PDB file of N, CA and C in Angstrom:
ATOM      1  N   GLU A   1     -18.962  46.478 -13.623  1.00  0.00           N
ATOM      2  CA  GLU A   1     -19.736  45.411 -13.329  1.00  0.00           C
ATOM      3  C   GLU A   1     -20.949  45.443 -14.062  1.00  0.00           C
ATOM      4  N   ASP A   2     -21.457  44.266 -14.539  1.00  0.00           N
ATOM      5  CA  ASP A   2     -22.836  44.277 -15.204  1.00  0.00           C
ATOM      6  C   ASP A   2     -23.516  42.824 -14.506  1.00  0.00           C
ATOM      7  N   PRO A   3     -23.678  43.229 -13.035  1.00  0.00           N
ATOM      8  CA  PRO A   3     -24.553  42.121 -12.445  1.00  0.00           C
ATOM      9  C   PRO A   3     -26.024  42.059 -12.835  1.00  0.00           C
ATOM     10  N   ALA A   4     -26.505  41.087 -12.616  1.00  0.00           N
ATOM     11  CA  ALA A   4     -28.083  40.892 -12.807  1.00  0.00           C
ATOM     12  C   ALA A   4     -28.790  41.836 -11.755  1.00  0.00           C
ATOM     13  N   ILE A   5     -28.324  41.999 -10.734  1.00  0.00           N
ATOM     14  CA  ILE A   5     -29.016  42.865  -9.558  1.00  0.00           C
ATOM     15  C   ILE A   5     -27.928  43.674  -9.053  1.00  0.00           C
ATOM     16  N   TYR A   6     -27.959  45.116  -9.071  1.00  0.00           N
ATOM     17  CA  TYR A   6     -26.779  45.925  -8.725  1.00  0.00           C
ATOM     18  C   TYR A   6     -27.512  46.861  -7.549  1.00  0.00           C
ATOM     19  N   LEU A   7     -27.098  46.939  -6.471  1.00  0.00           N
ATOM     20  CA  LEU A   7     -27.457  47.844  -5.312  1.00  0.00           C
ATOM     21  C   LEU A   7     -26.256  48.761  -4.885  1.00  0.00           C
ATOM     22  N   LEU A   8     -26.551  50.059  -4.768  1.00  0.00           N
ATOM     23  CA  LEU A   8     -25.479  50.995  -4.390  1.00  0.00           C
ATOM     24  C   LEU A   8     -26.114  51.882  -3.214  1.00  0.00           C
ATOM     25  N   ASP A   9     -25.425  52.158  -2.266  1.00  0.00           N
ATOM     26  CA  ASP A   9     -25.831  52.984  -1.079  1.00  0.00           C
ATOM     27  C   ASP A   9     -27.009  52.565  -0.754  1.00  0.00           C
ATOM     28  N   SER A  10     -27.449  51.371  -0.440  1.00  0.00           N
ATOM     29  CA  SER A  10     -28.628  50.958  -0.014  1.00  0.00           C
ATOM     30  C   SER A  10     -28.868  50.598   1.447  1.00  0.00           C
ATOM     31  N   SER A  11     -30.076  50.534   2.044  1.00  0.00           N
ATOM     32  CA  SER A  11     -30.215  50.302   3.243  1.00  0.00           C
ATOM     33  C   SER A  11     -31.744  49.551   3.558  1.00  0.00           C
ATOM     34  N   TYR A  12     -31.695  48.575   4.193  1.00  0.00           N
ATOM     35  CA  TYR A  12     -33.064  47.752   4.529  1.00  0.00           C
ATOM     36  C   TYR A  12     -33.804  47.410   3.279  1.00  0.00           C
ATOM     37  N   VAL A  13     -32.821  46.539   2.637  1.00  0.00           N
ATOM     38  CA  VAL A  13     -33.313  46.004   1.057  1.00  0.00           C
ATOM     39  C   VAL A  13     -33.241  44.685   1.276  1.00  0.00           C
ATOM     40  N   THR A  14     -34.459  43.748   0.757  1.00  0.00           N
ATOM     41  CA  THR A  14     -34.381  42.481   0.884  1.00  0.00           C
ATOM     42  C   THR A  14     -34.457  41.964  -0.701  1.00  0.00           C
ATOM     43  N   VAL A  15     -33.341  41.067  -0.970  1.00  0.00           N
ATOM     44  CA  VAL A  15     -33.357  40.447  -2.370  1.00  0.00           C
ATOM     45  C   VAL A  15     -33.913  39.050  -2.222  1.00  0.00           C
ATOM     46  N   GLU A  16     -34.882  38.618  -2.486  1.00  0.00           N
ATOM     47  CA  GLU A  16     -35.525  37.319  -2.249  1.00  0.00           C
ATOM     48  C   GLU A  16     -36.031  36.795  -3.256  1.00  0.00           C
ATOM     49  N   ASN A  17     -36.192  35.343  -3.377  1.00  0.00           N
ATOM     50  CA  ASN A  17     -36.973  34.497  -4.350  1.00  0.00           C
ATOM     51  C   ASN A  17     -36.655  34.765  -5.883  1.00  0.00           C
ATOM     52  N   ASN A  18     -35.636  35.383  -6.270  1.00  0.00           N
ATOM     53  CA  ASN A  18     -35.070  35.601  -7.776  1.00  0.00           C
ATOM     54  C   ASN A  18     -34.544  34.282  -8.253  1.00  0.00           C
ATOM     55  N   THR A  19     -34.664  34.158  -9.703  1.00  0.00           N
ATOM     56  CA  THR A  19     -33.824  33.087 -10.229  1.00  0.00           C
ATOM     57  C   THR A  19     -32.824  34.006 -11.262  1.00  0.00           C
ATOM     58  N   LEU A  20     -31.503  33.886 -11.050  1.00  0.00           N
ATOM     59  CA  LEU A  20     -30.677  34.722 -12.046  1.00  0.00           C
ATOM     60  C   LEU A  20     -29.861  33.581 -12.855  1.00  0.00           C
ATOM     61  N   VAL A  21     -29.925  33.827 -14.223  1.00  0.00           N
ATOM     62  CA  VAL A  21     -29.298  32.646 -14.840  1.00  0.00           C
ATOM     63  C   VAL A  21     -28.237  33.348 -16.111  1.00  0.00           C
ATOM     64  N   ASP A  22     -27.176  32.843 -16.280  1.00  0.00           N
ATOM     65  CA  ASP A  22     -26.350  33.421 -17.498  1.00  0.00           C
ATOM     66  C   ASP A  22     -26.259  34.858 -17.525  1.00  0.00           C
ATOM     67  N   SER A  23     -25.459  35.549 -16.596  1.00  0.00           N
ATOM     68  CA  SER A  23     -25.286  36.902 -16.403  1.00  0.00           C
ATOM     69  C   SER A  23     -23.669  37.039 -16.177  1.00  0.00           C
ATOM     70  N   LYS A  24     -23.149  38.333 -16.433  1.00  0.00           N
ATOM     71  CA  LYS A  24     -21.749  38.608 -15.853  1.00  0.00           C
ATOM     72  C   LYS A  24     -21.574  38.084 -14.465  1.00  0.00           C
ATOM     73  N   GLY A  25     -22.514  38.749 -13.592  1.00  0.00           N
ATOM     74  CA  GLY A  25     -22.492  38.487 -12.169  1.00  0.00           C
ATOM     75  C   GLY A  25     -23.904  38.426 -11.688  1.00  0.00           C
ATOM     76  N   GLY A  26     -24.246  37.817 -10.348  1.00  0.00           N
ATOM     77  CA  GLY A  26     -25.428  37.587  -9.910  1.00  0.00           C
ATOM     78  C   GLY A  26     -25.859  38.862  -9.232  1.00  0.00           C
ATOM     79  N   ILE A  27     -25.654  39.116  -8.015  1.00  0.00           N
ATOM     80  CA  ILE A  27     -26.047  40.032  -6.984  1.00  0.00           C
ATOM     81  C   ILE A  27     -24.891  40.643  -6.614  1.00  0.00           C
ATOM     82  N   TYR A  28     -24.727  42.154  -6.933  1.00  0.00           N
ATOM     83  CA  TYR A  28     -23.399  42.997  -6.248  1.00  0.00           C
ATOM     84  C   TYR A  28     -24.204  44.162  -5.502  1.00  0.00           C
ATOM     85  N   SER A  29     -23.550  44.358  -4.374  1.00  0.00           N
ATOM     86  CA  SER A  29     -24.086  45.319  -3.568  1.00  0.00           C
ATOM     87  C   SER A  29     -22.921  46.060  -2.989  1.00  0.00           C
ATOM     88  N   GLU A  30     -22.991  47.399  -3.027  1.00  0.00           N
ATOM     89  CA  GLU A  30     -21.682  48.290  -2.624  1.00  0.00           C
ATOM     90  C   GLU A  30     -22.183  49.241  -1.562  1.00  0.00           C
ATOM     91  N   ASP A  31     -21.752  49.330  -0.249  1.00  0.00           N
ATOM     92  CA  ASP A  31     -22.153  50.303   0.540  1.00  0.00           C
ATOM     93  C   ASP A  31     -23.565  50.092   1.215  1.00  0.00           C
ATOM     94  N   ALA A  32     -24.183  48.870   1.635  1.00  0.00           N
ATOM     95  CA  ALA A  32     -25.322  48.503   2.057  1.00  0.00           C
ATOM     96  C   ALA A  32     -25.162  48.317   3.555  1.00  0.00           C
ATOM     97  N   THR A  33     -26.366  48.652   4.237  1.00  0.00           N
ATOM     98  CA  THR A  33     -26.714  48.328   5.547  1.00  0.00           C
ATOM     99  C   THR A  33     -28.018  47.564   5.741  1.00  0.00           C
ATOM    100  N   SER A  34     -27.953  46.599   6.375  1.00  0.00           N
ATOM    101  CA  SER A  34     -29.101  45.633   6.705  1.00  0.00           C
ATOM    102  C   SER A  34     -29.820  45.276   5.312  1.00  0.00           C
ATOM    103  N   LEU A  35     -28.811  44.694   4.671  1.00  0.00           N
ATOM    104  CA  LEU A  35     -29.151  44.028   3.344  1.00  0.00           C
ATOM    105  C   LEU A  35     -29.385  42.342   3.565  1.00  0.00           C
ATOM    106  N   VAL A  36     -30.657  41.975   3.105  1.00  0.00           N
ATOM    107  CA  VAL A  36     -30.886  40.519   3.130  1.00  0.00           C
ATOM    108  C   VAL A  36     -30.993  39.977   1.910  1.00  0.00           C
ATOM    109  N   VAL A  37     -30.051  38.942   1.603  1.00  0.00           N
ATOM    110  CA  VAL A  37     -30.147  38.329   0.474  1.00  0.00           C
ATOM    111  C   VAL A  37     -30.486  36.719   0.617  1.00  0.00           C
ATOM    112  N   SER A  38     -31.649  36.541   0.297  1.00  0.00           N
ATOM    113  CA  SER A  38     -32.303  34.864   0.642  1.00  0.00           C
ATOM    114  C   SER A  38     -32.982  34.335  -0.363  1.00  0.00           C
ATOM    115  N   SER A  39     -32.876  32.929  -0.328  1.00  0.00           N
ATOM    116  CA  SER A  39     -33.809  31.947  -1.170  1.00  0.00           C
ATOM    117  C   SER A  39     -33.619  32.443  -2.747  1.00  0.00           C
ATOM    118  N   ASN A  40     -32.504  32.946  -3.111  1.00  0.00           N
ATOM    119  CA  ASN A  40     -32.380  33.031  -4.514  1.00  0.00           C
ATOM    120  C   ASN A  40     -31.754  31.882  -5.276  1.00  0.00           C
ATOM    121  N   THR A  41     -32.096  31.701  -6.420  1.00  0.00           N
ATOM    122  CA  THR A  41     -31.270  30.708  -7.329  1.00  0.00           C
ATOM    123  C   THR A  41     -30.294  31.463  -8.238  1.00  0.00           C
ATOM    124  N   ILE A  42     -29.220  31.206  -8.211  1.00  0.00           N
ATOM    125  CA  ILE A  42     -27.877  31.856  -9.097  1.00  0.00           C
ATOM    126  C   ILE A  42     -27.210  30.855  -9.810  1.00  0.00           C
ATOM    127  N   ARG A  43     -27.172  30.846 -11.004  1.00  0.00           N
ATOM    128  CA  ARG A  43     -26.468  29.861 -11.641  1.00  0.00           C
ATOM    129  C   ARG A  43     -25.745  30.520 -13.044  1.00  0.00           C
ATOM    130  N   ASP A  44     -24.712  29.820 -13.435  1.00  0.00           N
ATOM    131  CA  ASP A  44     -23.991  30.116 -14.802  1.00  0.00           C
ATOM    132  C   ASP A  44     -23.672  31.538 -14.896  1.00  0.00           C
ATOM    133  N   MET A  45     -23.026  32.339 -13.877  1.00  0.00           N
ATOM    134  CA  MET A  45     -22.501  33.482 -13.798  1.00  0.00           C
ATOM    135  C   MET A  45     -20.966  33.432 -14.318  1.00  0.00           C
ATOM    136  N   LYS A  46     -20.733  34.576 -15.150  1.00  0.00           N
ATOM    137  CA  LYS A  46     -19.291  34.531 -15.605  1.00  0.00           C
ATOM    138  C   LYS A  46     -18.398  35.057 -14.456  1.00  0.00           C
ATOM    139  N   GLU A  47     -18.808  35.686 -13.448  1.00  0.00           N
ATOM    140  CA  GLU A  47     -17.987  36.141 -12.525  1.00  0.00           C
ATOM    141  C   GLU A  47     -18.506  35.617 -11.079  1.00  0.00           C
ATOM    142  N   ASP A  48     -18.631  36.540  -9.963  1.00  0.00           N
ATOM    143  CA  ASP A  48     -19.277  36.222  -8.593  1.00  0.00           C
ATOM    144  C   ASP A  48     -20.645  35.944  -8.727  1.00  0.00           C
ATOM    145  N   GLY A  49     -21.121  34.961  -7.873  1.00  0.00           N
ATOM    146  CA  GLY A  49     -22.423  34.702  -7.649  1.00  0.00           C
ATOM    147  C   GLY A  49     -23.106  35.895  -6.902  1.00  0.00           C
ATOM    148  N   ILE A  50     -22.704  36.084  -5.720  1.00  0.00           N
ATOM    149  CA  ILE A  50     -23.058  37.191  -4.666  1.00  0.00           C
ATOM    150  C   ILE A  50     -21.866  37.914  -4.256  1.00  0.00           C
ATOM    151  N   GLU A  51     -21.761  39.422  -4.576  1.00  0.00           N
ATOM    152  CA  GLU A  51     -20.757  40.012  -3.884  1.00  0.00           C
ATOM    153  C   GLU A  51     -21.340  41.171  -2.987  1.00  0.00           C
ATOM    154  N   LEU A  52     -20.806  41.346  -1.976  1.00  0.00           N
ATOM    155  CA  LEU A  52     -21.165  42.470  -0.952  1.00  0.00           C
ATOM    156  C   LEU A  52     -19.829  43.141  -0.613  1.00  0.00           C
ATOM    157  N   SER A  53     -19.665  44.529  -0.918  1.00  0.00           N
ATOM    158  CA  SER A  53     -18.442  45.248  -0.671  1.00  0.00           C
ATOM    159  C   SER A  53     -18.888  46.561   0.274  1.00  0.00           C
ATOM    160  N   ASN A  54     -18.303  46.562   1.411  1.00  0.00           N
ATOM    161  CA  ASN A  54     -18.617  47.804   2.437  1.00  0.00           C
ATOM    162  C   ASN A  54     -20.020  47.432   2.870  1.00  0.00           C
ATOM    163  N   ALA A  55     -20.532  46.339   3.222  1.00  0.00           N
ATOM    164  CA  ALA A  55     -21.673  45.916   3.822  1.00  0.00           C
ATOM    165  C   ALA A  55     -21.518  45.956   5.355  1.00  0.00           C
ATOM    166  N   ALA A  56     -22.780  46.160   5.878  1.00  0.00           N
ATOM    167  CA  ALA A  56     -22.773  46.188   7.449  1.00  0.00           C
ATOM    168  C   ALA A  56     -24.129  45.797   7.887  1.00  0.00           C
ATOM    169  N   SER A  57     -24.039  44.820   8.997  1.00  0.00           N
ATOM    170  CA  SER A  57     -25.466  44.124   9.517  1.00  0.00           C
ATOM    171  C   SER A  57     -26.319  43.629   8.397  1.00  0.00           C
ATOM    172  N   SER A  58     -25.717  42.698   7.625  1.00  0.00           N
ATOM    173  CA  SER A  58     -26.461  42.165   6.301  1.00  0.00           C
ATOM    174  C   SER A  58     -26.292  40.491   6.577  1.00  0.00           C
ATOM    175  N   SER A  59     -26.911  39.991   5.705  1.00  0.00           N
ATOM    176  CA  SER A  59     -27.052  38.640   5.610  1.00  0.00           C
ATOM    177  C   SER A  59     -27.366  37.843   4.162  1.00  0.00           C
ATOM    178  N   ILE A  60     -26.610  36.768   3.953  1.00  0.00           N
ATOM    179  CA  ILE A  60     -26.889  36.094   2.895  1.00  0.00           C
ATOM    180  C   ILE A  60     -27.141  34.586   3.241  1.00  0.00           C
ATOM    181  N   ILE A  61     -28.386  34.299   3.025  1.00  0.00           N
ATOM    182  CA  ILE A  61     -28.969  32.941   3.575  1.00  0.00           C
ATOM    183  C   ILE A  61     -29.944  32.156   2.665  1.00  0.00           C
ATOM    184  N   GLY A  62     -29.526  30.991   2.616  1.00  0.00           N
ATOM    185  CA  GLY A  62     -30.466  30.113   2.126  1.00  0.00           C
ATOM    186  C   GLY A  62     -30.573  30.004   0.359  1.00  0.00           C
ATOM    187  N   ASN A  63     -29.359  30.646  -0.149  1.00  0.00           N
ATOM    188  CA  ASN A  63     -29.352  30.647  -1.631  1.00  0.00           C
ATOM    189  C   ASN A  63     -28.824  29.541  -2.264  1.00  0.00           C
ATOM    190  N   SER A  64     -29.278  29.159  -3.640  1.00  0.00           N
ATOM    191  CA  SER A  64     -28.594  28.105  -4.196  1.00  0.00           C
ATOM    192  C   SER A  64     -27.843  28.792  -5.277  1.00  0.00           C
ATOM    193  N   ILE A  65     -26.374  28.456  -5.272  1.00  0.00           N
ATOM    194  CA  ILE A  65     -25.584  29.194  -6.301  1.00  0.00           C
ATOM    195  C   ILE A  65     -24.587  28.178  -6.757  1.00  0.00           C
ATOM    196  N   LEU A  66     -24.719  28.107  -8.188  1.00  0.00           N
ATOM    197  CA  LEU A  66     -23.940  27.106  -9.135  1.00  0.00           C
ATOM    198  C   LEU A  66     -23.289  27.758 -10.201  1.00  0.00           C
ATOM    199  N   ASN A  67     -22.175  27.116 -10.468  1.00  0.00           N
ATOM    200  CA  ASN A  67     -21.325  27.297 -11.692  1.00  0.00           C
ATOM    201  C   ASN A  67     -21.201  28.765 -11.927  1.00  0.00           C
ATOM    202  N   CYS A  68     -20.335  29.300 -11.002  1.00  0.00           N
ATOM    203  CA  CYS A  68     -19.886  30.679 -11.149  1.00  0.00           C
ATOM    204  C   CYS A  68     -18.315  30.624 -11.591  1.00  0.00           C
ATOM    205  N   GLY A  69     -18.050  31.732 -12.612  1.00  0.00           N
ATOM    206  CA  GLY A  69     -16.909  31.644 -13.024  1.00  0.00           C
ATOM    207  C   GLY A  69     -15.729  32.260 -12.015  1.00  0.00           C
ATOM    208  N   ASP A  70     -16.365  32.960 -11.021  1.00  0.00           N
ATOM    209  CA  ASP A  70     -15.298  33.310  -9.712  1.00  0.00           C
ATOM    210  C   ASP A  70     -15.766  32.907  -8.515  1.00  0.00           C
ATOM    211  N   ASP A  71     -15.917  33.680  -7.781  1.00  0.00           N
ATOM    212  CA  ASP A  71     -16.230  33.295  -6.249  1.00  0.00           C
ATOM    213  C   ASP A  71     -17.983  32.988  -6.107  1.00  0.00           C
ATOM    214  N   THR A  72     -18.258  32.199  -5.458  1.00  0.00           N
ATOM    215  CA  THR A  72     -19.739  31.864  -5.284  1.00  0.00           C
ATOM    216  C   THR A  72     -20.301  32.897  -4.427  1.00  0.00           C
ATOM    217  N   ILE A  73     -19.511  33.273  -3.338  1.00  0.00           N
ATOM    218  CA  ILE A  73     -19.916  34.390  -2.328  1.00  0.00           C
ATOM    219  C   ILE A  73     -18.849  35.174  -2.182  1.00  0.00           C
ATOM    220  N   PHE A  74     -18.846  36.368  -2.289  1.00  0.00           N
ATOM    221  CA  PHE A  74     -17.439  37.247  -1.971  1.00  0.00           C
ATOM    222  C   PHE A  74     -17.902  38.346  -1.113  1.00  0.00           C
ATOM    223  N   VAL A  75     -17.231  38.627   0.110  1.00  0.00           N
ATOM    224  CA  VAL A  75     -17.797  39.526   1.002  1.00  0.00           C
ATOM    225  C   VAL A  75     -16.369  40.360   1.182  1.00  0.00           C
ATOM    226  N   LEU A  76     -16.398  41.619   0.958  1.00  0.00           N
ATOM    227  CA  LEU A  76     -15.156  42.564   0.993  1.00  0.00           C
ATOM    228  C   LEU A  76     -15.395  43.795   1.995  1.00  0.00           C
ATOM    229  N   ASP A  77     -14.521  44.062   2.815  1.00  0.00           N
ATOM    230  CA  ASP A  77     -14.443  45.125   3.790  1.00  0.00           C
ATOM    231  C   ASP A  77     -15.802  45.431   4.340  1.00  0.00           C
ATOM    232  N   SER A  78     -16.309  44.345   4.947  1.00  0.00           N
ATOM    233  CA  SER A  78     -17.684  44.285   5.567  1.00  0.00           C
ATOM    234  C   SER A  78     -17.850  43.987   6.859  1.00  0.00           C
ATOM    235  N   SER A  79     -18.747  44.329   7.679  1.00  0.00           N
ATOM    236  CA  SER A  79     -18.781  43.980   9.198  1.00  0.00           C
ATOM    237  C   SER A  79     -20.215  43.399   9.580  1.00  0.00           C
ATOM    238  N   ASN A  80     -20.370  42.498  10.364  1.00  0.00           N
ATOM    239  CA  ASN A  80     -21.465  41.802  10.973  1.00  0.00           C
ATOM    240  C   ASN A  80     -22.237  41.329   9.876  1.00  0.00           C
ATOM    241  N   VAL A  81     -21.633  40.615   8.855  1.00  0.00           N
ATOM    242  CA  VAL A  81     -22.423  39.835   7.899  1.00  0.00           C
ATOM    243  C   VAL A  81     -22.572  38.456   8.164  1.00  0.00           C
ATOM    244  N   THR A  82     -23.808  37.878   7.971  1.00  0.00           N
ATOM    245  CA  THR A  82     -23.968  36.414   8.457  1.00  0.00           C
ATOM    246  C   THR A  82     -24.211  35.835   6.882  1.00  0.00           C
ATOM    247  N   VAL A  83     -23.595  34.601   6.941  1.00  0.00           N
ATOM    248  CA  VAL A  83     -23.458  33.735   5.605  1.00  0.00           C
ATOM    249  C   VAL A  83     -23.845  32.254   6.146  1.00  0.00           C
ATOM    250  N   GLU A  84     -25.081  31.926   5.744  1.00  0.00           N
ATOM    251  CA  GLU A  84     -25.249  30.513   6.246  1.00  0.00           C
ATOM    252  C   GLU A  84     -26.357  29.932   5.376  1.00  0.00           C
ATOM    253  N   ASP A  85     -26.165  28.612   5.288  1.00  0.00           N
ATOM    254  CA  ASP A  85     -27.269  27.716   4.628  1.00  0.00           C
ATOM    255  C   ASP A  85     -27.149  27.954   3.220  1.00  0.00           C
ATOM    256  N   ASN A  86     -26.181  28.265   2.428  1.00  0.00           N
ATOM    257  CA  ASN A  86     -26.091  28.381   1.136  1.00  0.00           C
ATOM    258  C   ASN A  86     -25.664  27.136   0.364  1.00  0.00           C
ATOM    259  N   THR A  87     -26.161  26.722  -0.694  1.00  0.00           N
ATOM    260  CA  THR A  87     -25.488  25.521  -1.388  1.00  0.00           C
ATOM    261  C   THR A  87     -25.016  25.986  -2.721  1.00  0.00           C
TER     262      THR A  87
END
């Protein structure tokens, strides 16, 4: 993975108000708890815009995600993840 933002084994992190353009992937997180991804602009990604793997009690809210080569938002093997108001 070569995302613009990569988080591994993280807790209580907020990723907010970033503009990410023309990267392999936007925001990738693995094994996160209480992650907040909000109010980001993500566009022209070759793969996923936002990907959460093994996340718990996290949220993806109010992001603008355009023109991704793969999924706009991809959540895998996660629990209690809120996804709302993304465009």
